[in-house]
Amino acid sequence: MEFTDEQLVLRFLEGDDGSLDILIGRYLKPIYNFLYRFTKDTDSLDDLTQETFIKVWKNIKRFDPDKKFKVWIYQIAKNTAYDFLKKKKTTPFSFFETEEGNKLETVSEENPLPDEILERQDLEKELDAKLKQLSDQHRVILFMRYKDDFSLQEISEILKVPYNTVKSQHQRAIGALRRLF
C-alpha cells in the first residue's frame, strides 16, 4: 500500500522515521530540478537541496495536514532559492512583461517510429533553446505547470503571488514562447 504524502507526514510525526525517508525519496530529484530552474547555480545545488530538506525536517511539525505537502515543500524550496539569490544579490526574474497568449498544447503518441523519435529530439532541443530565451519568471511558471504538473492555484501558493498574476504570467509565457517559434 502506498501512502499519500500527508499520511507519511503523520506517520513520521508518530515516530516512523522511514516515512520521512520515503518523502525525501519522492521529492529529492524534483526539488533539485526546481532549485536549478530558480538559481541556475550548479555549484550550489547540492547545498540548496540539502538545506531545503533540513528545513522540512525542522519544520515538519508545523505542516498543516489539511494542505498539500507538495505545495508546502515547494514553498520551502522557493524560499531557500530566494534566500540564496538575495545573498548573491541577483534578481531572479522580471514581473513586468506585457505579452499575451494562449494555452500550451501538447500531443503524445504511443510507440513512435524511429524517425518520429529523432524529430521529437530535434523539437526538444529547439524547445529548450527557445525556453532559455524567456524570462526566468516565465520559464519557472511553465516548468512548474507542465513539468512539475502544478495547477495555477498551486503555483500561486508556492510563489506567494496572487492567482490572477500567475494566470496572466502563464498566458504571457505561452504567448512569448509561441512568438519565438
N, C-alpha and C. Protein backbone atom coordinates (compact mmCIF):
# COMPACT_ATOMS: atom_id res chain seq x y z
N MET A 1 0.84 -1.19 0.00
CA MET A 1 0.00 0.00 0.00
C MET A 1 0.87 1.25 0.00
N GLU A 2 0.59 2.14 -0.91
CA GLU A 2 1.36 3.37 -1.00
C GLU A 2 0.62 4.47 -0.25
N PHE A 3 1.33 5.15 0.62
CA PHE A 3 0.74 6.21 1.42
C PHE A 3 0.82 7.55 0.70
N THR A 4 -0.14 8.42 0.97
CA THR A 4 -0.07 9.78 0.45
C THR A 4 1.02 10.53 1.21
N ASP A 5 1.41 11.66 0.67
CA ASP A 5 2.41 12.49 1.34
C ASP A 5 1.93 12.89 2.73
N GLU A 6 0.68 13.28 2.81
CA GLU A 6 0.14 13.73 4.08
C GLU A 6 0.10 12.60 5.11
N GLN A 7 -0.21 11.38 4.67
CA GLN A 7 -0.20 10.23 5.56
C GLN A 7 1.22 9.94 6.05
N LEU A 8 2.19 10.10 5.15
CA LEU A 8 3.58 9.86 5.54
C LEU A 8 4.04 10.89 6.57
N VAL A 9 3.60 12.12 6.42
CA VAL A 9 3.95 13.14 7.42
C VAL A 9 3.40 12.74 8.77
N LEU A 10 2.13 12.35 8.81
CA LEU A 10 1.52 11.94 10.08
C LEU A 10 2.25 10.73 10.67
N ARG A 11 2.61 9.77 9.83
CA ARG A 11 3.34 8.59 10.31
C ARG A 11 4.70 9.00 10.90
N PHE A 12 5.37 9.95 10.22
CA PHE A 12 6.66 10.42 10.73
C PHE A 12 6.48 11.10 12.08
N LEU A 13 5.46 11.91 12.20
CA LEU A 13 5.21 12.61 13.46
C LEU A 13 4.84 11.64 14.59
N GLU A 14 4.34 10.47 14.21
CA GLU A 14 4.01 9.44 15.20
C GLU A 14 5.22 8.56 15.53
N GLY A 15 6.37 8.84 14.90
CA GLY A 15 7.59 8.12 15.25
C GLY A 15 8.15 7.21 14.18
N ASP A 16 7.55 7.13 13.01
CA ASP A 16 8.03 6.28 11.92
C ASP A 16 9.03 7.06 11.07
N ASP A 17 10.32 6.94 11.41
CA ASP A 17 11.36 7.68 10.69
C ASP A 17 11.45 7.30 9.21
N GLY A 18 11.08 6.08 8.88
CA GLY A 18 11.12 5.64 7.49
C GLY A 18 10.18 6.43 6.59
N SER A 19 9.13 6.99 7.16
CA SER A 19 8.19 7.78 6.38
C SER A 19 8.84 9.03 5.80
N LEU A 20 9.72 9.65 6.59
CA LEU A 20 10.44 10.82 6.08
C LEU A 20 11.38 10.41 4.96
N ASP A 21 12.00 9.26 5.08
CA ASP A 21 12.88 8.76 4.03
C ASP A 21 12.12 8.59 2.72
N ILE A 22 10.88 8.10 2.81
CA ILE A 22 10.06 7.92 1.61
C ILE A 22 9.75 9.28 0.99
N LEU A 23 9.39 10.25 1.82
CA LEU A 23 9.10 11.59 1.32
C LEU A 23 10.32 12.21 0.65
N ILE A 24 11.47 12.05 1.26
CA ILE A 24 12.70 12.57 0.67
C ILE A 24 12.96 11.89 -0.67
N GLY A 25 12.76 10.59 -0.72
CA GLY A 25 12.94 9.87 -1.98
C GLY A 25 12.00 10.36 -3.06
N ARG A 26 10.79 10.68 -2.70
CA ARG A 26 9.82 11.19 -3.68
C ARG A 26 10.19 12.57 -4.22
N TYR A 27 10.73 13.40 -3.35
CA TYR A 27 10.90 14.80 -3.71
C TYR A 27 12.34 15.24 -3.95
N LEU A 28 13.31 14.38 -3.75
CA LEU A 28 14.70 14.79 -3.90
C LEU A 28 15.00 15.31 -5.30
N LYS A 29 14.72 14.51 -6.31
CA LYS A 29 15.02 14.92 -7.68
C LYS A 29 14.15 16.10 -8.13
N PRO A 30 12.82 16.06 -7.89
CA PRO A 30 12.02 17.22 -8.30
C PRO A 30 12.45 18.54 -7.64
N ILE A 31 12.79 18.49 -6.36
CA ILE A 31 13.23 19.70 -5.67
C ILE A 31 14.58 20.16 -6.21
N TYR A 32 15.46 19.23 -6.45
CA TYR A 32 16.77 19.55 -7.03
C TYR A 32 16.58 20.28 -8.37
N ASN A 33 15.72 19.73 -9.24
CA ASN A 33 15.46 20.35 -10.54
C ASN A 33 14.79 21.72 -10.39
N PHE A 34 13.87 21.81 -9.46
CA PHE A 34 13.18 23.07 -9.21
C PHE A 34 14.18 24.14 -8.77
N LEU A 35 15.07 23.79 -7.86
CA LEU A 35 16.07 24.75 -7.39
C LEU A 35 17.02 25.16 -8.52
N TYR A 36 17.34 24.23 -9.39
CA TYR A 36 18.19 24.57 -10.53
C TYR A 36 17.49 25.60 -11.43
N ARG A 37 16.21 25.36 -11.69
CA ARG A 37 15.48 26.29 -12.56
C ARG A 37 15.41 27.68 -11.94
N PHE A 38 15.37 27.75 -10.63
CA PHE A 38 15.32 29.05 -9.97
C PHE A 38 16.69 29.73 -9.94
N THR A 39 17.72 29.00 -9.60
CA THR A 39 19.01 29.63 -9.34
C THR A 39 20.00 29.52 -10.50
N LYS A 40 19.90 28.46 -11.28
CA LYS A 40 20.85 28.16 -12.37
C LYS A 40 22.29 28.13 -11.85
N ASP A 41 22.46 27.77 -10.60
CA ASP A 41 23.78 27.71 -9.99
C ASP A 41 24.10 26.26 -9.65
N THR A 42 24.76 25.57 -10.57
CA THR A 42 25.04 24.15 -10.39
C THR A 42 25.98 23.91 -9.21
N ASP A 43 26.83 24.87 -8.91
CA ASP A 43 27.79 24.69 -7.81
C ASP A 43 27.11 24.63 -6.45
N SER A 44 25.97 25.27 -6.32
CA SER A 44 25.30 25.35 -5.03
C SER A 44 24.08 24.44 -4.91
N LEU A 45 23.75 23.71 -5.96
CA LEU A 45 22.52 22.92 -5.96
C LEU A 45 22.46 21.88 -4.85
N ASP A 46 23.54 21.16 -4.64
CA ASP A 46 23.54 20.13 -3.60
C ASP A 46 23.28 20.76 -2.23
N ASP A 47 23.95 21.87 -1.97
CA ASP A 47 23.77 22.55 -0.68
C ASP A 47 22.36 23.09 -0.52
N LEU A 48 21.82 23.67 -1.59
CA LEU A 48 20.46 24.22 -1.53
C LEU A 48 19.43 23.11 -1.32
N THR A 49 19.63 21.99 -1.99
CA THR A 49 18.71 20.87 -1.84
C THR A 49 18.78 20.34 -0.40
N GLN A 50 19.99 20.19 0.10
CA GLN A 50 20.15 19.71 1.47
C GLN A 50 19.53 20.70 2.45
N GLU A 51 19.75 21.97 2.24
CA GLU A 51 19.19 22.99 3.13
C GLU A 51 17.66 22.94 3.11
N THR A 52 17.09 22.72 1.94
CA THR A 52 15.63 22.60 1.82
C THR A 52 15.11 21.45 2.68
N PHE A 53 15.76 20.28 2.56
CA PHE A 53 15.27 19.12 3.31
C PHE A 53 15.55 19.24 4.81
N ILE A 54 16.58 19.95 5.18
CA ILE A 54 16.81 20.21 6.60
C ILE A 54 15.68 21.09 7.15
N LYS A 55 15.28 22.11 6.36
CA LYS A 55 14.17 22.97 6.78
C LYS A 55 12.88 22.18 6.88
N VAL A 56 12.68 21.24 5.95
CA VAL A 56 11.49 20.39 6.01
C VAL A 56 11.50 19.60 7.30
N TRP A 57 12.63 18.98 7.59
CA TRP A 57 12.76 18.16 8.80
C TRP A 57 12.53 18.99 10.06
N LYS A 58 13.12 20.19 10.11
CA LYS A 58 12.99 21.04 11.29
C LYS A 58 11.57 21.57 11.48
N ASN A 59 10.84 21.77 10.38
CA ASN A 59 9.54 22.43 10.45
C ASN A 59 8.36 21.52 10.18
N ILE A 60 8.60 20.24 10.07
CA ILE A 60 7.52 19.33 9.68
C ILE A 60 6.39 19.31 10.71
N LYS A 61 6.71 19.63 11.96
CA LYS A 61 5.66 19.68 12.99
C LYS A 61 4.67 20.81 12.73
N ARG A 62 5.10 21.81 11.96
CA ARG A 62 4.24 22.95 11.64
C ARG A 62 3.39 22.70 10.39
N PHE A 63 3.63 21.60 9.69
CA PHE A 63 2.88 21.30 8.48
C PHE A 63 1.40 21.13 8.80
N ASP A 64 0.56 21.78 8.03
CA ASP A 64 -0.89 21.68 8.20
C ASP A 64 -1.39 20.50 7.36
N PRO A 65 -1.83 19.42 8.00
CA PRO A 65 -2.25 18.22 7.25
C PRO A 65 -3.46 18.43 6.36
N ASP A 66 -4.15 19.56 6.51
CA ASP A 66 -5.27 19.87 5.63
C ASP A 66 -4.81 20.46 4.30
N LYS A 67 -3.54 20.76 4.19
CA LYS A 67 -2.98 21.32 2.96
C LYS A 67 -2.17 20.24 2.24
N LYS A 68 -1.74 20.55 1.02
CA LYS A 68 -0.95 19.61 0.25
C LYS A 68 0.52 19.71 0.64
N PHE A 69 1.13 18.57 0.94
CA PHE A 69 2.55 18.54 1.30
C PHE A 69 3.40 19.03 0.14
N LYS A 70 3.03 18.66 -1.08
CA LYS A 70 3.81 19.03 -2.26
C LYS A 70 3.93 20.56 -2.37
N VAL A 71 2.84 21.25 -2.15
CA VAL A 71 2.87 22.72 -2.20
C VAL A 71 3.75 23.26 -1.08
N TRP A 72 3.62 22.69 0.10
CA TRP A 72 4.40 23.13 1.26
C TRP A 72 5.90 22.97 1.03
N ILE A 73 6.32 21.82 0.52
CA ILE A 73 7.75 21.59 0.33
C ILE A 73 8.31 22.48 -0.79
N TYR A 74 7.51 22.72 -1.82
CA TYR A 74 7.97 23.61 -2.89
C TYR A 74 8.06 25.05 -2.40
N GLN A 75 7.20 25.45 -1.48
CA GLN A 75 7.32 26.78 -0.89
C GLN A 75 8.63 26.91 -0.12
N ILE A 76 8.99 25.87 0.60
CA ILE A 76 10.25 25.88 1.33
C ILE A 76 11.42 25.97 0.35
N ALA A 77 11.35 25.20 -0.73
CA ALA A 77 12.42 25.23 -1.73
C ALA A 77 12.51 26.61 -2.37
N LYS A 78 11.37 27.20 -2.69
CA LYS A 78 11.36 28.54 -3.29
C LYS A 78 11.98 29.56 -2.34
N ASN A 79 11.61 29.49 -1.07
CA ASN A 79 12.18 30.42 -0.09
C ASN A 79 13.68 30.22 0.07
N THR A 80 14.12 28.97 0.02
CA THR A 80 15.55 28.68 0.09
C THR A 80 16.26 29.28 -1.11
N ALA A 81 15.67 29.15 -2.29
CA ALA A 81 16.26 29.72 -3.50
C ALA A 81 16.30 31.24 -3.42
N TYR A 82 15.21 31.85 -2.94
CA TYR A 82 15.18 33.31 -2.80
C TYR A 82 16.26 33.79 -1.84
N ASP A 83 16.39 33.11 -0.71
CA ASP A 83 17.42 33.49 0.26
C ASP A 83 18.80 33.42 -0.38
N PHE A 84 19.04 32.36 -1.13
CA PHE A 84 20.32 32.19 -1.81
C PHE A 84 20.55 33.32 -2.81
N LEU A 85 19.53 33.63 -3.61
CA LEU A 85 19.67 34.67 -4.62
C LEU A 85 19.86 36.04 -4.00
N LYS A 86 19.22 36.27 -2.85
CA LYS A 86 19.42 37.54 -2.15
C LYS A 86 20.87 37.68 -1.69
N LYS A 87 21.43 36.58 -1.21
CA LYS A 87 22.83 36.61 -0.79
C LYS A 87 23.75 36.88 -1.97
N LYS A 88 23.37 36.35 -3.14
CA LYS A 88 24.16 36.59 -4.35
C LYS A 88 23.87 37.96 -4.95
N LYS A 89 22.80 38.60 -4.45
CA LYS A 89 22.37 39.91 -4.93
C LYS A 89 22.01 39.89 -6.41
N THR A 90 21.24 38.87 -6.80
CA THR A 90 20.73 38.82 -8.16
C THR A 90 19.22 38.87 -8.10
N THR A 91 18.63 39.33 -9.16
CA THR A 91 17.17 39.34 -9.27
C THR A 91 16.77 38.19 -10.15
N PRO A 92 15.96 37.26 -9.66
CA PRO A 92 15.67 36.07 -10.43
C PRO A 92 14.81 36.28 -11.65
N PHE A 93 13.91 37.27 -11.64
CA PHE A 93 13.06 37.43 -12.80
C PHE A 93 12.31 38.74 -12.78
N SER A 94 11.76 39.04 -13.94
CA SER A 94 11.00 40.28 -14.11
C SER A 94 9.51 39.98 -14.14
N PHE A 95 8.76 40.79 -13.44
CA PHE A 95 7.30 40.61 -13.42
C PHE A 95 6.62 41.63 -14.34
N PHE A 96 7.37 42.36 -15.15
CA PHE A 96 6.80 43.49 -15.85
C PHE A 96 6.77 43.34 -17.37
N GLU A 97 6.40 42.18 -17.85
CA GLU A 97 6.31 41.99 -19.29
C GLU A 97 4.85 42.06 -19.71
N THR A 98 4.58 42.47 -20.95
CA THR A 98 3.22 42.74 -21.37
C THR A 98 2.74 41.83 -22.50
N GLU A 99 3.32 40.69 -22.71
CA GLU A 99 2.91 39.80 -23.78
C GLU A 99 1.61 39.09 -23.43
N GLU A 100 0.84 38.68 -24.45
CA GLU A 100 -0.41 37.94 -24.26
C GLU A 100 -0.31 36.63 -25.02
N GLY A 101 -1.10 35.62 -24.62
CA GLY A 101 -1.03 34.35 -25.33
C GLY A 101 -2.11 33.38 -24.92
N ASN A 102 -2.02 32.16 -25.42
CA ASN A 102 -2.98 31.10 -25.17
C ASN A 102 -2.33 29.95 -24.44
N LYS A 103 -3.09 28.85 -24.27
CA LYS A 103 -2.57 27.70 -23.54
C LYS A 103 -1.65 26.86 -24.42
N LEU A 104 -0.68 26.23 -23.78
CA LEU A 104 0.24 25.34 -24.48
C LEU A 104 -0.46 24.04 -24.82
N GLU A 105 -0.26 23.57 -26.02
CA GLU A 105 -0.88 22.32 -26.45
C GLU A 105 0.21 21.28 -26.64
N THR A 106 -0.03 20.10 -26.10
CA THR A 106 0.93 19.03 -26.26
C THR A 106 0.24 17.82 -26.87
N VAL A 107 0.99 17.07 -27.64
CA VAL A 107 0.47 15.87 -28.28
C VAL A 107 1.38 14.72 -27.91
N SER A 108 0.81 13.62 -27.49
CA SER A 108 1.63 12.45 -27.19
C SER A 108 1.08 11.25 -27.95
N GLU A 109 1.97 10.45 -28.45
CA GLU A 109 1.59 9.24 -29.18
C GLU A 109 2.25 8.05 -28.53
N GLU A 110 1.60 6.91 -28.66
CA GLU A 110 2.19 5.69 -28.14
C GLU A 110 3.07 5.06 -29.22
N ASN A 111 4.17 4.49 -28.82
CA ASN A 111 5.08 3.76 -29.70
C ASN A 111 5.43 4.52 -30.97
N PRO A 112 6.14 5.64 -30.88
CA PRO A 112 6.50 6.39 -32.08
C PRO A 112 7.55 5.63 -32.91
N LEU A 113 7.58 5.95 -34.19
CA LEU A 113 8.54 5.35 -35.10
C LEU A 113 9.91 6.00 -34.90
N PRO A 114 11.00 5.32 -35.33
CA PRO A 114 12.34 5.88 -35.11
C PRO A 114 12.52 7.29 -35.68
N ASP A 115 11.99 7.55 -36.88
CA ASP A 115 12.15 8.89 -37.45
C ASP A 115 11.35 9.93 -36.64
N GLU A 116 10.24 9.50 -36.03
CA GLU A 116 9.48 10.39 -35.17
C GLU A 116 10.26 10.70 -33.90
N ILE A 117 10.97 9.70 -33.38
CA ILE A 117 11.79 9.91 -32.18
C ILE A 117 12.87 10.94 -32.46
N LEU A 118 13.55 10.82 -33.61
CA LEU A 118 14.59 11.79 -33.97
C LEU A 118 14.00 13.19 -34.14
N GLU A 119 12.84 13.26 -34.77
CA GLU A 119 12.19 14.54 -34.97
C GLU A 119 11.82 15.16 -33.62
N ARG A 120 11.33 14.35 -32.70
CA ARG A 120 10.99 14.85 -31.36
C ARG A 120 12.24 15.36 -30.64
N GLN A 121 13.34 14.63 -30.80
CA GLN A 121 14.58 15.07 -30.14
C GLN A 121 15.00 16.43 -30.68
N ASP A 122 14.85 16.62 -31.99
CA ASP A 122 15.17 17.93 -32.58
C ASP A 122 14.24 19.01 -32.03
N LEU A 123 12.95 18.66 -31.92
CA LEU A 123 11.99 19.61 -31.38
C LEU A 123 12.29 19.93 -29.91
N GLU A 124 12.69 18.92 -29.15
CA GLU A 124 13.04 19.15 -27.74
C GLU A 124 14.23 20.09 -27.63
N LYS A 125 15.22 19.90 -28.50
CA LYS A 125 16.39 20.80 -28.48
C LYS A 125 15.97 22.21 -28.83
N GLU A 126 15.09 22.34 -29.84
CA GLU A 126 14.61 23.65 -30.24
C GLU A 126 13.79 24.28 -29.11
N LEU A 127 12.94 23.48 -28.48
CA LEU A 127 12.13 23.99 -27.37
C LEU A 127 13.02 24.45 -26.22
N ASP A 128 14.04 23.65 -25.88
CA ASP A 128 14.97 24.04 -24.82
C ASP A 128 15.65 25.37 -25.15
N ALA A 129 16.06 25.52 -26.40
CA ALA A 129 16.71 26.76 -26.82
C ALA A 129 15.75 27.94 -26.71
N LYS A 130 14.51 27.73 -27.10
CA LYS A 130 13.50 28.81 -27.03
C LYS A 130 13.16 29.14 -25.58
N LEU A 131 13.06 28.13 -24.73
CA LEU A 131 12.76 28.36 -23.32
C LEU A 131 13.85 29.20 -22.65
N LYS A 132 15.08 29.01 -23.08
CA LYS A 132 16.19 29.78 -22.50
C LYS A 132 16.09 31.26 -22.84
N GLN A 133 15.33 31.58 -23.89
CA GLN A 133 15.17 32.98 -24.30
C GLN A 133 14.07 33.69 -23.49
N LEU A 134 13.25 32.92 -22.79
CA LEU A 134 12.20 33.51 -21.96
C LEU A 134 12.78 34.08 -20.68
N SER A 135 12.03 34.96 -20.05
CA SER A 135 12.45 35.48 -18.75
C SER A 135 12.45 34.33 -17.74
N ASP A 136 13.20 34.48 -16.69
CA ASP A 136 13.26 33.44 -15.67
C ASP A 136 11.88 33.18 -15.08
N GLN A 137 11.10 34.23 -14.84
CA GLN A 137 9.76 34.08 -14.27
C GLN A 137 8.88 33.23 -15.17
N HIS A 138 8.88 33.54 -16.46
CA HIS A 138 8.05 32.79 -17.39
C HIS A 138 8.50 31.33 -17.48
N ARG A 139 9.80 31.12 -17.52
CA ARG A 139 10.33 29.77 -17.62
C ARG A 139 9.96 28.96 -16.37
N VAL A 140 10.07 29.55 -15.20
CA VAL A 140 9.73 28.85 -13.96
C VAL A 140 8.25 28.49 -13.94
N ILE A 141 7.39 29.41 -14.34
CA ILE A 141 5.95 29.13 -14.34
C ILE A 141 5.64 28.00 -15.33
N LEU A 142 6.22 28.03 -16.51
CA LEU A 142 5.96 26.96 -17.49
C LEU A 142 6.46 25.62 -16.98
N PHE A 143 7.64 25.59 -16.38
CA PHE A 143 8.16 24.33 -15.85
C PHE A 143 7.28 23.81 -14.72
N MET A 144 6.88 24.71 -13.83
CA MET A 144 6.05 24.28 -12.71
C MET A 144 4.71 23.75 -13.21
N ARG A 145 4.16 24.39 -14.25
CA ARG A 145 2.84 23.98 -14.76
C ARG A 145 2.92 22.69 -15.56
N TYR A 146 3.89 22.59 -16.46
CA TYR A 146 3.90 21.46 -17.40
C TYR A 146 4.90 20.37 -17.06
N LYS A 147 5.94 20.66 -16.32
CA LYS A 147 6.90 19.63 -15.93
C LYS A 147 6.57 19.08 -14.55
N ASP A 148 6.31 19.99 -13.60
CA ASP A 148 6.02 19.56 -12.23
C ASP A 148 4.53 19.31 -12.02
N ASP A 149 3.71 19.66 -13.01
CA ASP A 149 2.28 19.37 -13.02
C ASP A 149 1.52 20.06 -11.87
N PHE A 150 1.91 21.31 -11.57
CA PHE A 150 1.17 22.09 -10.58
C PHE A 150 0.04 22.83 -11.27
N SER A 151 -1.06 23.01 -10.57
CA SER A 151 -2.12 23.87 -11.08
C SER A 151 -1.68 25.32 -10.91
N LEU A 152 -2.35 26.22 -11.60
CA LEU A 152 -2.01 27.63 -11.46
C LEU A 152 -2.25 28.10 -10.03
N GLN A 153 -3.27 27.55 -9.37
CA GLN A 153 -3.54 27.90 -7.97
C GLN A 153 -2.38 27.45 -7.07
N GLU A 154 -1.86 26.25 -7.31
CA GLU A 154 -0.74 25.76 -6.51
C GLU A 154 0.52 26.59 -6.77
N ILE A 155 0.73 26.98 -8.02
CA ILE A 155 1.88 27.84 -8.34
C ILE A 155 1.74 29.16 -7.60
N SER A 156 0.52 29.69 -7.57
CA SER A 156 0.26 30.92 -6.84
C SER A 156 0.63 30.78 -5.37
N GLU A 157 0.25 29.66 -4.76
CA GLU A 157 0.56 29.43 -3.35
C GLU A 157 2.06 29.28 -3.13
N ILE A 158 2.73 28.55 -4.01
CA ILE A 158 4.16 28.32 -3.85
C ILE A 158 4.95 29.61 -3.99
N LEU A 159 4.63 30.39 -5.03
CA LEU A 159 5.36 31.62 -5.29
C LEU A 159 4.88 32.79 -4.43
N LYS A 160 3.74 32.56 -3.72
CA LYS A 160 3.12 33.61 -2.90
C LYS A 160 2.85 34.86 -3.76
N VAL A 161 2.22 34.60 -4.90
CA VAL A 161 1.83 35.63 -5.85
C VAL A 161 0.33 35.45 -6.08
N PRO A 162 -0.43 36.53 -6.23
CA PRO A 162 -1.87 36.37 -6.46
C PRO A 162 -2.17 35.46 -7.65
N TYR A 163 -3.25 34.72 -7.54
CA TYR A 163 -3.64 33.77 -8.58
C TYR A 163 -3.75 34.44 -9.95
N ASN A 164 -4.41 35.60 -10.01
CA ASN A 164 -4.60 36.28 -11.30
C ASN A 164 -3.26 36.71 -11.90
N THR A 165 -2.29 37.03 -11.07
CA THR A 165 -0.96 37.38 -11.56
C THR A 165 -0.31 36.16 -12.20
N VAL A 166 -0.40 35.01 -11.52
CA VAL A 166 0.17 33.78 -12.07
C VAL A 166 -0.53 33.42 -13.37
N LYS A 167 -1.84 33.57 -13.39
CA LYS A 167 -2.62 33.24 -14.59
C LYS A 167 -2.18 34.11 -15.77
N SER A 168 -2.04 35.41 -15.54
CA SER A 168 -1.64 36.29 -16.64
C SER A 168 -0.18 36.06 -17.04
N GLN A 169 0.69 35.77 -16.06
CA GLN A 169 2.09 35.47 -16.40
C GLN A 169 2.18 34.17 -17.19
N HIS A 170 1.33 33.21 -16.85
CA HIS A 170 1.29 31.94 -17.60
C HIS A 170 0.89 32.21 -19.04
N GLN A 171 -0.16 33.01 -19.24
CA GLN A 171 -0.60 33.33 -20.59
C GLN A 171 0.47 34.10 -21.35
N ARG A 172 1.13 35.01 -20.68
CA ARG A 172 2.21 35.78 -21.33
C ARG A 172 3.37 34.87 -21.71
N ALA A 173 3.68 33.93 -20.83
CA ALA A 173 4.78 32.99 -21.11
C ALA A 173 4.45 32.14 -22.34
N ILE A 174 3.23 31.67 -22.42
CA ILE A 174 2.81 30.87 -23.58
C ILE A 174 2.88 31.72 -24.84
N GLY A 175 2.40 32.95 -24.75
CA GLY A 175 2.46 33.86 -25.90
C GLY A 175 3.89 34.14 -26.33
N ALA A 176 4.77 34.37 -25.38
CA ALA A 176 6.17 34.64 -25.69
C ALA A 176 6.81 33.41 -26.36
N LEU A 177 6.50 32.25 -25.84
CA LEU A 177 7.04 31.00 -26.42
C LEU A 177 6.53 30.81 -27.84
N ARG A 178 5.26 31.06 -28.06
CA ARG A 178 4.69 30.92 -29.42
C ARG A 178 5.35 31.90 -30.39
N ARG A 179 5.58 33.12 -29.94
CA ARG A 179 6.23 34.11 -30.82
C ARG A 179 7.65 33.69 -31.19
N LEU A 180 8.32 33.01 -30.26
CA LEU A 180 9.69 32.56 -30.55
C LEU A 180 9.70 31.47 -31.63
N PHE A 181 8.61 30.72 -31.72
CA PHE A 181 8.51 29.70 -32.75
C PHE A 181 8.01 30.31 -34.03
